[in-house]
Amino acid sequence: MQLAAKSLGLGSQWVSATGGIMEDLLKNFLDIPKEFKIYDMMAVGYPAYQLGPRSPRKMDEMTHYDRYDRSKLRTDQQIKDFIKNLRKKDREEKEGVKRGMKT
């Protein structure tokens, strides 16, 4: 669904925090009958800004042939650092787009 939304120029965000009290709030807000169970949701809409294309990792870093290549294994800290840097780049790009919109 997210790929379909993207192909239509829409932005999307998967929402998995839909249980417990959040489920009651969502049902009330969206007028969903109490008998229904919400498992997941996806918000879809026109994005306020467009991020440029990105390839977070090179394909050869993620592709394994015939068996798992242990040399490509990342530690938990490496993964956390990778995500942190990726989010930083997204924020910087977002701020750059916003500055461009103001002029």
PDB file of N, CA and C in Angstrom:
ATOM      1  N   MET A   1       0.818  -1.178   0.000  1.00  0.00           N
ATOM      2  CA  MET A   1       0.000   0.000   0.000  1.00  0.00           C
ATOM      3  C   MET A   1       0.872   1.255   0.000  1.00  0.00           C
ATOM      4  N   GLN A   2       1.969   1.208   0.722  1.00  0.00           N
ATOM      5  CA  GLN A   2       2.824   2.385   0.756  1.00  0.00           C
ATOM      6  C   GLN A   2       3.491   2.628  -0.599  1.00  0.00           C
ATOM      7  N   LEU A   3       3.864   1.568  -1.289  1.00  0.00           N
ATOM      8  CA  LEU A   3       4.441   1.740  -2.624  1.00  0.00           C
ATOM      9  C   LEU A   3       3.400   2.295  -3.591  1.00  0.00           C
ATOM     10  N   ALA A   4       2.165   1.831  -3.481  1.00  0.00           N
ATOM     11  CA  ALA A   4       1.090   2.345  -4.332  1.00  0.00           C
ATOM     12  C   ALA A   4       0.856   3.820  -4.052  1.00  0.00           C
ATOM     13  N   ALA A   5       0.828   4.204  -2.774  1.00  0.00           N
ATOM     14  CA  ALA A   5       0.642   5.610  -2.410  1.00  0.00           C
ATOM     15  C   ALA A   5       1.771   6.455  -2.995  1.00  0.00           C
ATOM     16  N   LYS A   6       3.007   5.995  -2.839  1.00  0.00           N
ATOM     17  CA  LYS A   6       4.165   6.723  -3.353  1.00  0.00           C
ATOM     18  C   LYS A   6       4.075   6.896  -4.860  1.00  0.00           C
ATOM     19  N   SER A   7       3.631   5.846  -5.565  1.00  0.00           N
ATOM     20  CA  SER A   7       3.537   5.927  -7.022  1.00  0.00           C
ATOM     21  C   SER A   7       2.485   6.937  -7.465  1.00  0.00           C
ATOM     22  N   LEU A   8       1.547   7.272  -6.574  1.00  0.00           N
ATOM     23  CA  LEU A   8       0.508   8.263  -6.875  1.00  0.00           C
ATOM     24  C   LEU A   8       0.878   9.655  -6.365  1.00  0.00           C
ATOM     25  N   GLY A   9       2.108   9.792  -5.864  1.00  0.00           N
ATOM     26  CA  GLY A   9       2.553  11.077  -5.361  1.00  0.00           C
ATOM     27  C   GLY A   9       2.055  11.393  -3.962  1.00  0.00           C
ATOM     28  N   LEU A  10       1.604  10.375  -3.257  1.00  0.00           N
ATOM     29  CA  LEU A  10       1.091  10.557  -1.903  1.00  0.00           C
ATOM     30  C   LEU A  10       2.140  10.151  -0.876  1.00  0.00           C
ATOM     31  N   GLY A  11       2.037  10.721   0.289  1.00  0.00           N
ATOM     32  CA  GLY A  11       2.877  10.313   1.401  1.00  0.00           C
ATOM     33  C   GLY A  11       2.096   9.356   2.272  1.00  0.00           C
ATOM     34  N   SER A  12       2.775   8.499   3.010  1.00  0.00           N
ATOM     35  CA  SER A  12       2.073   7.563   3.882  1.00  0.00           C
ATOM     36  C   SER A  12       2.923   7.262   5.103  1.00  0.00           C
ATOM     37  N   GLN A  13       2.245   6.860   6.161  1.00  0.00           N
ATOM     38  CA  GLN A  13       2.914   6.496   7.404  1.00  0.00           C
ATOM     39  C   GLN A  13       2.151   5.350   8.048  1.00  0.00           C
ATOM     40  N   TRP A  14       2.839   4.249   8.292  1.00  0.00           N
ATOM     41  CA  TRP A  14       2.227   3.104   8.951  1.00  0.00           C
ATOM     42  C   TRP A  14       2.045   3.423  10.423  1.00  0.00           C
ATOM     43  N   VAL A  15       0.880   3.118  10.970  1.00  0.00           N
ATOM     44  CA  VAL A  15       0.576   3.379  12.378  1.00  0.00           C
ATOM     45  C   VAL A  15       0.246   2.050  13.031  1.00  0.00           C
ATOM     46  N   SER A  16       1.105   1.607  13.938  1.00  0.00           N
ATOM     47  CA  SER A  16       0.860   0.314  14.580  1.00  0.00           C
ATOM     48  C   SER A  16       0.435   0.464  16.032  1.00  0.00           C
ATOM     49  N   ALA A  17       0.510   1.663  16.587  1.00  0.00           N
ATOM     50  CA  ALA A  17       0.108   1.890  17.986  1.00  0.00           C
ATOM     51  C   ALA A  17      -1.402   2.114  18.030  1.00  0.00           C
ATOM     52  N   THR A  18      -2.147   1.024  17.849  1.00  0.00           N
ATOM     53  CA  THR A  18      -3.604   1.152  17.754  1.00  0.00           C
ATOM     54  C   THR A  18      -4.340   0.351  18.827  1.00  0.00           C
ATOM     55  N   GLY A  19      -3.640  -0.201  19.795  1.00  0.00           N
ATOM     56  CA  GLY A  19      -4.284  -1.024  20.813  1.00  0.00           C
ATOM     57  C   GLY A  19      -4.602  -0.245  22.072  1.00  0.00           C
ATOM     58  N   GLY A  20      -5.262  -0.915  23.008  1.00  0.00           N
ATOM     59  CA  GLY A  20      -5.568  -0.341  24.313  1.00  0.00           C
ATOM     60  C   GLY A  20      -6.420   0.900  24.236  1.00  0.00           C
ATOM     61  N   ILE A  21      -6.050   1.896  25.000  1.00  0.00           N
ATOM     62  CA  ILE A  21      -6.823   3.143  25.036  1.00  0.00           C
ATOM     63  C   ILE A  21      -6.810   3.841  23.683  1.00  0.00           C
ATOM     64  N   MET A  22      -5.717   3.681  22.915  1.00  0.00           N
ATOM     65  CA  MET A  22      -5.638   4.301  21.594  1.00  0.00           C
ATOM     66  C   MET A  22      -6.731   3.752  20.680  1.00  0.00           C
ATOM     67  N   GLU A  23      -7.027   2.458  20.801  1.00  0.00           N
ATOM     68  CA  GLU A  23      -8.075   1.872  19.963  1.00  0.00           C
ATOM     69  C   GLU A  23      -9.421   2.516  20.271  1.00  0.00           C
ATOM     70  N   ASP A  24      -9.726   2.718  21.544  1.00  0.00           N
ATOM     71  CA  ASP A  24     -10.985   3.365  21.918  1.00  0.00           C
ATOM     72  C   ASP A  24     -11.062   4.788  21.366  1.00  0.00           C
ATOM     73  N   LEU A  25      -9.963   5.525  21.467  1.00  0.00           N
ATOM     74  CA  LEU A  25      -9.933   6.892  20.947  1.00  0.00           C
ATOM     75  C   LEU A  25     -10.123   6.920  19.433  1.00  0.00           C
ATOM     76  N   LEU A  26      -9.443   5.998  18.736  1.00  0.00           N
ATOM     77  CA  LEU A  26      -9.573   5.934  17.282  1.00  0.00           C
ATOM     78  C   LEU A  26     -10.995   5.569  16.855  1.00  0.00           C
ATOM     79  N   LYS A  27     -11.576   4.599  17.527  1.00  0.00           N
ATOM     80  CA  LYS A  27     -12.948   4.191  17.198  1.00  0.00           C
ATOM     81  C   LYS A  27     -13.916   5.349  17.401  1.00  0.00           C
ATOM     82  N   ASN A  28     -13.737   6.083  18.471  1.00  0.00           N
ATOM     83  CA  ASN A  28     -14.605   7.222  18.737  1.00  0.00           C
ATOM     84  C   ASN A  28     -14.396   8.319  17.686  1.00  0.00           C
ATOM     85  N   PHE A  29     -13.144   8.639  17.404  1.00  0.00           N
ATOM     86  CA  PHE A  29     -12.802   9.702  16.457  1.00  0.00           C
ATOM     87  C   PHE A  29     -13.281   9.371  15.039  1.00  0.00           C
ATOM     88  N   LEU A  30     -13.107   8.104  14.623  1.00  0.00           N
ATOM     89  CA  LEU A  30     -13.440   7.696  13.257  1.00  0.00           C
ATOM     90  C   LEU A  30     -14.813   7.046  13.131  1.00  0.00           C
ATOM     91  N   ASP A  31     -15.559   7.010  14.234  1.00  0.00           N
ATOM     92  CA  ASP A  31     -16.901   6.421  14.266  1.00  0.00           C
ATOM     93  C   ASP A  31     -16.886   4.960  13.794  1.00  0.00           C
ATOM     94  N   ILE A  32     -15.917   4.204  14.289  1.00  0.00           N
ATOM     95  CA  ILE A  32     -15.792   2.781  13.966  1.00  0.00           C
ATOM     96  C   ILE A  32     -16.593   2.002  15.003  1.00  0.00           C
ATOM     97  N   PRO A  33     -17.444   1.061  14.567  1.00  0.00           N
ATOM     98  CA  PRO A  33     -18.247   0.290  15.537  1.00  0.00           C
ATOM     99  C   PRO A  33     -17.374  -0.440  16.563  1.00  0.00           C
ATOM    100  N   LYS A  34     -17.864  -0.534  17.786  1.00  0.00           N
ATOM    101  CA  LYS A  34     -17.126  -1.173  18.881  1.00  0.00           C
ATOM    102  C   LYS A  34     -16.792  -2.631  18.591  1.00  0.00           C
ATOM    103  N   GLU A  35     -17.624  -3.297  17.775  1.00  0.00           N
ATOM    104  CA  GLU A  35     -17.401  -4.715  17.480  1.00  0.00           C
ATOM    105  C   GLU A  35     -16.181  -4.948  16.594  1.00  0.00           C
ATOM    106  N   PHE A  36     -15.714  -3.918  15.928  1.00  0.00           N
ATOM    107  CA  PHE A  36     -14.576  -4.055  15.031  1.00  0.00           C
ATOM    108  C   PHE A  36     -13.271  -3.968  15.816  1.00  0.00           C
ATOM    109  N   LYS A  37     -12.248  -4.654  15.322  1.00  0.00           N
ATOM    110  CA  LYS A  37     -10.919  -4.638  15.929  1.00  0.00           C
ATOM    111  C   LYS A  37      -9.971  -3.915  14.975  1.00  0.00           C
ATOM    112  N   ILE A  38      -9.234  -2.942  15.489  1.00  0.00           N
ATOM    113  CA  ILE A  38      -8.241  -2.228  14.687  1.00  0.00           C
ATOM    114  C   ILE A  38      -6.886  -2.893  14.924  1.00  0.00           C
ATOM    115  N   TYR A  39      -6.299  -3.403  13.874  1.00  0.00           N
ATOM    116  CA  TYR A  39      -4.990  -4.045  14.001  1.00  0.00           C
ATOM    117  C   TYR A  39      -3.867  -3.076  13.649  1.00  0.00           C
ATOM    118  N   ASP A  40      -3.994  -2.414  12.537  1.00  0.00           N
ATOM    119  CA  ASP A  40      -3.015  -1.442  12.066  1.00  0.00           C
ATOM    120  C   ASP A  40      -3.741  -0.397  11.236  1.00  0.00           C
ATOM    121  N   MET A  41      -3.068   0.703  11.017  1.00  0.00           N
ATOM    122  CA  MET A  41      -3.629   1.767  10.189  1.00  0.00           C
ATOM    123  C   MET A  41      -2.504   2.352   9.341  1.00  0.00           C
ATOM    124  N   MET A  42      -2.915   3.035   8.276  1.00  0.00           N
ATOM    125  CA  MET A  42      -1.945   3.754   7.470  1.00  0.00           C
ATOM    126  C   MET A  42      -2.521   5.116   7.129  1.00  0.00           C
ATOM    127  N   ALA A  43      -1.823   6.160   7.531  1.00  0.00           N
ATOM    128  CA  ALA A  43      -2.225   7.516   7.177  1.00  0.00           C
ATOM    129  C   ALA A  43      -1.708   7.803   5.770  1.00  0.00           C
ATOM    130  N   VAL A  44      -2.560   8.369   4.924  1.00  0.00           N
ATOM    131  CA  VAL A  44      -2.200   8.672   3.540  1.00  0.00           C
ATOM    132  C   VAL A  44      -2.632  10.102   3.235  1.00  0.00           C
ATOM    133  N   GLY A  45      -1.787  10.835   2.568  1.00  0.00           N
ATOM    134  CA  GLY A  45      -2.150  12.199   2.188  1.00  0.00           C
ATOM    135  C   GLY A  45      -1.076  12.833   1.332  1.00  0.00           C
ATOM    136  N   TYR A  46      -1.331  14.082   0.978  1.00  0.00           N
ATOM    137  CA  TYR A  46      -0.353  14.806   0.188  1.00  0.00           C
ATOM    138  C   TYR A  46       0.725  15.357   1.121  1.00  0.00           C
ATOM    139  N   PRO A  47       1.980  15.065   0.856  1.00  0.00           N
ATOM    140  CA  PRO A  47       3.044  15.499   1.761  1.00  0.00           C
ATOM    141  C   PRO A  47       3.249  17.010   1.713  1.00  0.00           C
ATOM    142  N   ALA A  48       3.647  17.577   2.840  1.00  0.00           N
ATOM    143  CA  ALA A  48       3.927  19.011   2.918  1.00  0.00           C
ATOM    144  C   ALA A  48       5.220  19.349   2.163  1.00  0.00           C
ATOM    145  N   TYR A  49       6.093  18.392   1.989  1.00  0.00           N
ATOM    146  CA  TYR A  49       7.346  18.586   1.271  1.00  0.00           C
ATOM    147  C   TYR A  49       7.755  17.251   0.665  1.00  0.00           C
ATOM    148  N   GLN A  50       8.589  17.314  -0.342  1.00  0.00           N
ATOM    149  CA  GLN A  50       9.061  16.109  -1.020  1.00  0.00           C
ATOM    150  C   GLN A  50      10.533  15.891  -0.703  1.00  0.00           C
ATOM    151  N   LEU A  51      10.855  14.740  -0.180  1.00  0.00           N
ATOM    152  CA  LEU A  51      12.257  14.366  -0.017  1.00  0.00           C
ATOM    153  C   LEU A  51      12.776  13.854  -1.349  1.00  0.00           C
ATOM    154  N   GLY A  52      14.032  14.092  -1.595  1.00  0.00           N
ATOM    155  CA  GLY A  52      14.629  13.594  -2.817  1.00  0.00           C
ATOM    156  C   GLY A  52      14.800  12.087  -2.768  1.00  0.00           C
ATOM    157  N   PRO A  53      15.103  11.483  -3.898  1.00  0.00           N
ATOM    158  CA  PRO A  53      15.315  10.031  -3.898  1.00  0.00           C
ATOM    159  C   PRO A  53      16.524   9.679  -3.042  1.00  0.00           C
ATOM    160  N   ARG A  54      16.432   8.560  -2.392  1.00  0.00           N
ATOM    161  CA  ARG A  54      17.563   8.139  -1.572  1.00  0.00           C
ATOM    162  C   ARG A  54      17.719   6.631  -1.656  1.00  0.00           C
ATOM    163  N   SER A  55      18.924   6.239  -1.541  1.00  0.00           N
ATOM    164  CA  SER A  55      19.246   4.830  -1.455  1.00  0.00           C
ATOM    165  C   SER A  55      20.065   4.680  -0.191  1.00  0.00           C
ATOM    166  N   PRO A  56      19.420   4.296   0.910  1.00  0.00           N
ATOM    167  CA  PRO A  56      20.125   4.276   2.183  1.00  0.00           C
ATOM    168  C   PRO A  56      21.353   3.362   2.219  1.00  0.00           C
ATOM    169  N   ARG A  57      21.300   2.296   1.487  1.00  0.00           N
ATOM    170  CA  ARG A  57      22.450   1.381   1.449  1.00  0.00           C
ATOM    171  C   ARG A  57      22.669   0.930   0.024  1.00  0.00           C
ATOM    172  N   LYS A  58      23.906   0.631  -0.272  1.00  0.00           N
ATOM    173  CA  LYS A  58      24.211   0.095  -1.593  1.00  0.00           C
ATOM    174  C   LYS A  58      23.648  -1.313  -1.697  1.00  0.00           C
ATOM    175  N   MET A  59      23.170  -1.657  -2.876  1.00  0.00           N
ATOM    176  CA  MET A  59      22.537  -2.955  -3.080  1.00  0.00           C
ATOM    177  C   MET A  59      23.462  -4.111  -2.707  1.00  0.00           C
ATOM    178  N   ASP A  60      24.741  -3.995  -3.029  1.00  0.00           N
ATOM    179  CA  ASP A  60      25.655  -5.110  -2.725  1.00  0.00           C
ATOM    180  C   ASP A  60      25.889  -5.277  -1.226  1.00  0.00           C
ATOM    181  N   GLU A  61      25.576  -4.245  -0.419  1.00  0.00           N
ATOM    182  CA  GLU A  61      25.687  -4.368   1.031  1.00  0.00           C
ATOM    183  C   GLU A  61      24.517  -5.162   1.622  1.00  0.00           C
ATOM    184  N   MET A  62      23.440  -5.276   0.857  1.00  0.00           N
ATOM    185  CA  MET A  62      22.231  -5.931   1.370  1.00  0.00           C
ATOM    186  C   MET A  62      21.938  -7.275   0.716  1.00  0.00           C
ATOM    187  N   THR A  63      22.632  -7.582  -0.360  1.00  0.00           N
ATOM    188  CA  THR A  63      22.331  -8.779  -1.137  1.00  0.00           C
ATOM    189  C   THR A  63      23.257  -9.926  -0.749  1.00  0.00           C
ATOM    190  N   HIS A  64      22.671 -11.083  -0.558  1.00  0.00           N
ATOM    191  CA  HIS A  64      23.427 -12.287  -0.212  1.00  0.00           C
ATOM    192  C   HIS A  64      23.175 -13.325  -1.309  1.00  0.00           C
ATOM    193  N   TYR A  65      24.216 -14.026  -1.685  1.00  0.00           N
ATOM    194  CA  TYR A  65      24.099 -15.040  -2.726  1.00  0.00           C
ATOM    195  C   TYR A  65      24.386 -16.417  -2.149  1.00  0.00           C
ATOM    196  N   ASP A  66      23.474 -17.326  -2.386  1.00  0.00           N
ATOM    197  CA  ASP A  66      23.587 -18.731  -1.991  1.00  0.00           C
ATOM    198  C   ASP A  66      23.528 -18.969  -0.488  1.00  0.00           C
ATOM    199  N   ARG A  67      24.126 -18.109   0.303  1.00  0.00           N
ATOM    200  CA  ARG A  67      24.079 -18.235   1.763  1.00  0.00           C
ATOM    201  C   ARG A  67      24.319 -16.879   2.392  1.00  0.00           C
ATOM    202  N   TYR A  68      24.056 -16.805   3.687  1.00  0.00           N
ATOM    203  CA  TYR A  68      24.231 -15.556   4.415  1.00  0.00           C
ATOM    204  C   TYR A  68      25.707 -15.184   4.488  1.00  0.00           C
ATOM    205  N   ASP A  69      26.023 -13.965   4.111  1.00  0.00           N
ATOM    206  CA  ASP A  69      27.402 -13.471   4.138  1.00  0.00           C
ATOM    207  C   ASP A  69      27.633 -12.749   5.464  1.00  0.00           C
ATOM    208  N   ARG A  70      28.313 -13.413   6.388  1.00  0.00           N
ATOM    209  CA  ARG A  70      28.522 -12.857   7.730  1.00  0.00           C
ATOM    210  C   ARG A  70      29.355 -11.575   7.731  1.00  0.00           C
ATOM    211  N   SER A  71      30.098 -11.331   6.670  1.00  0.00           N
ATOM    212  CA  SER A  71      30.887 -10.091   6.613  1.00  0.00           C
ATOM    213  C   SER A  71      29.981  -8.858   6.493  1.00  0.00           C
ATOM    214  N   LYS A  72      28.716  -9.078   6.125  1.00  0.00           N
ATOM    215  CA  LYS A  72      27.762  -7.979   5.996  1.00  0.00           C
ATOM    216  C   LYS A  72      26.949  -7.755   7.269  1.00  0.00           C
ATOM    217  N   LEU A  73      27.235  -8.546   8.284  1.00  0.00           N
ATOM    218  CA  LEU A  73      26.519  -8.420   9.548  1.00  0.00           C
ATOM    219  C   LEU A  73      26.831  -7.088  10.207  1.00  0.00           C
ATOM    220  N   ARG A  74      25.790  -6.436  10.720  1.00  0.00           N
ATOM    221  CA  ARG A  74      25.971  -5.170  11.438  1.00  0.00           C
ATOM    222  C   ARG A  74      25.603  -5.370  12.896  1.00  0.00           C
ATOM    223  N   THR A  75      26.347  -4.715  13.753  1.00  0.00           N
ATOM    224  CA  THR A  75      26.032  -4.784  15.177  1.00  0.00           C
ATOM    225  C   THR A  75      24.817  -3.897  15.462  1.00  0.00           C
ATOM    226  N   ASP A  76      24.214  -4.091  16.622  1.00  0.00           N
ATOM    227  CA  ASP A  76      23.086  -3.244  17.011  1.00  0.00           C
ATOM    228  C   ASP A  76      23.494  -1.771  16.992  1.00  0.00           C
ATOM    229  N   GLN A  77      24.699  -1.467  17.481  1.00  0.00           N
ATOM    230  CA  GLN A  77      25.154  -0.078  17.513  1.00  0.00           C
ATOM    231  C   GLN A  77      25.328   0.477  16.104  1.00  0.00           C
ATOM    232  N   GLN A  78      25.846  -0.329  15.183  1.00  0.00           N
ATOM    233  CA  GLN A  78      25.999   0.130  13.798  1.00  0.00           C
ATOM    234  C   GLN A  78      24.638   0.444  13.180  1.00  0.00           C
ATOM    235  N   ILE A  79      23.649  -0.372  13.479  1.00  0.00           N
ATOM    236  CA  ILE A  79      22.301  -0.140  12.956  1.00  0.00           C
ATOM    237  C   ILE A  79      21.714   1.137  13.553  1.00  0.00           C
ATOM    238  N   LYS A  80      21.872   1.318  14.865  1.00  0.00           N
ATOM    239  CA  LYS A  80      21.375   2.538  15.516  1.00  0.00           C
ATOM    240  C   LYS A  80      22.042   3.773  14.934  1.00  0.00           C
ATOM    241  N   ASP A  81      23.351   3.714  14.731  1.00  0.00           N
ATOM    242  CA  ASP A  81      24.077   4.849  14.151  1.00  0.00           C
ATOM    243  C   ASP A  81      23.610   5.122  12.721  1.00  0.00           C
ATOM    244  N   PHE A  82      23.390   4.071  11.953  1.00  0.00           N
ATOM    245  CA  PHE A  82      22.922   4.205  10.578  1.00  0.00           C
ATOM    246  C   PHE A  82      21.576   4.915  10.547  1.00  0.00           C
ATOM    247  N   ILE A  83      20.637   4.479  11.390  1.00  0.00           N
ATOM    248  CA  ILE A  83      19.304   5.087  11.436  1.00  0.00           C
ATOM    249  C   ILE A  83      19.395   6.532  11.903  1.00  0.00           C
ATOM    250  N   LYS A  84      20.213   6.789  12.910  1.00  0.00           N
ATOM    251  CA  LYS A  84      20.388   8.151  13.416  1.00  0.00           C
ATOM    252  C   LYS A  84      20.897   9.074  12.312  1.00  0.00           C
ATOM    253  N   ASN A  85      21.895   8.643  11.568  1.00  0.00           N
ATOM    254  CA  ASN A  85      22.442   9.452  10.476  1.00  0.00           C
ATOM    255  C   ASN A  85      21.441   9.641   9.346  1.00  0.00           C
ATOM    256  N   LEU A  86      20.667   8.609   9.056  1.00  0.00           N
ATOM    257  CA  LEU A  86      19.657   8.697   8.013  1.00  0.00           C
ATOM    258  C   LEU A  86      18.588   9.721   8.393  1.00  0.00           C
ATOM    259  N   ARG A  87      18.150   9.681   9.645  1.00  0.00           N
ATOM    260  CA  ARG A  87      17.157  10.651  10.120  1.00  0.00           C
ATOM    261  C   ARG A  87      17.728  12.062  10.108  1.00  0.00           C
ATOM    262  N   LYS A  88      18.997  12.205  10.452  1.00  0.00           N
ATOM    263  CA  LYS A  88      19.638  13.517  10.425  1.00  0.00           C
ATOM    264  C   LYS A  88      19.643  14.072   9.000  1.00  0.00           C
ATOM    265  N   LYS A  89      19.983  13.232   8.029  1.00  0.00           N
ATOM    266  CA  LYS A  89      19.970  13.659   6.629  1.00  0.00           C
ATOM    267  C   LYS A  89      18.563  14.060   6.206  1.00  0.00           C
ATOM    268  N   ASP A  90      17.554  13.291   6.622  1.00  0.00           N
ATOM    269  CA  ASP A  90      16.165  13.625   6.282  1.00  0.00           C
ATOM    270  C   ASP A  90      15.776  14.981   6.868  1.00  0.00           C
ATOM    271  N   ARG A  91      16.145  15.227   8.139  1.00  0.00           N
ATOM    272  CA  ARG A  91      15.830  16.515   8.775  1.00  0.00           C
ATOM    273  C   ARG A  91      16.515  17.657   8.040  1.00  0.00           C
ATOM    274  N   GLU A  92      17.781  17.473   7.690  1.00  0.00           N
ATOM    275  CA  GLU A  92      18.519  18.512   6.984  1.00  0.00           C
ATOM    276  C   GLU A  92      17.894  18.794   5.624  1.00  0.00           C
ATOM    277  N   GLU A  93      17.496  17.736   4.928  1.00  0.00           N
ATOM    278  CA  GLU A  93      16.860  17.922   3.621  1.00  0.00           C
ATOM    279  C   GLU A  93      15.511  18.609   3.783  1.00  0.00           C
ATOM    280  N   LYS A  94      14.758  18.200   4.793  1.00  0.00           N
ATOM    281  CA  LYS A  94      13.453  18.808   5.060  1.00  0.00           C
ATOM    282  C   LYS A  94      13.614  20.302   5.350  1.00  0.00           C
ATOM    283  N   GLU A  95      14.588  20.663   6.178  1.00  0.00           N
ATOM    284  CA  GLU A  95      14.826  22.063   6.509  1.00  0.00           C
ATOM    285  C   GLU A  95      15.245  22.841   5.259  1.00  0.00           C
ATOM    286  N   GLY A  96      16.051  22.228   4.423  1.00  0.00           N
ATOM    287  CA  GLY A  96      16.464  22.879   3.176  1.00  0.00           C
ATOM    288  C   GLY A  96      15.276  23.142   2.267  1.00  0.00           C
ATOM    289  N   VAL A  97      14.364  22.182   2.167  1.00  0.00           N
ATOM    290  CA  VAL A  97      13.155  22.354   1.359  1.00  0.00           C
ATOM    291  C   VAL A  97      12.290  23.450   1.937  1.00  0.00           C
ATOM    292  N   LYS A  98      12.120  23.461   3.269  1.00  0.00           N
ATOM    293  CA  LYS A  98      11.297  24.493   3.907  1.00  0.00           C
ATOM    294  C   LYS A  98      11.885  25.877   3.672  1.00  0.00           C
ATOM    295  N   ARG A  99      13.225  25.998   3.773  1.00  0.00           N
ATOM    296  CA  ARG A  99      13.856  27.299   3.520  1.00  0.00           C
ATOM    297  C   ARG A  99      13.597  27.731   2.092  1.00  0.00           C
ATOM    298  N   GLY A 100      13.660  26.792   1.167  1.00  0.00           N
ATOM    299  CA  GLY A 100      13.406  27.103  -0.239  1.00  0.00           C
ATOM    300  C   GLY A 100      11.978  27.534  -0.498  1.00  0.00           C
ATOM    301  N   MET A 101      11.039  27.028   0.304  1.00  0.00           N
ATOM    302  CA  MET A 101       9.619  27.369   0.149  1.00  0.00           C
ATOM    303  C   MET A 101       9.355  28.785   0.648  1.00  0.00           C
ATOM    304  N   LYS A 102      10.139  29.253   1.612  1.00  0.00           N
ATOM    305  CA  LYS A 102       9.908  30.563   2.219  1.00  0.00           C
ATOM    306  C   LYS A 102      10.361  31.702   1.319  1.00  0.00           C
ATOM    307  N   THR A 103      11.285  31.432   0.421  1.00  0.00           N
ATOM    308  CA  THR A 103      11.803  32.512  -0.422  1.00  0.00           C
ATOM    309  C   THR A 103      10.917  32.781  -1.591  1.00  0.00           C
TER     310      THR A 103
END
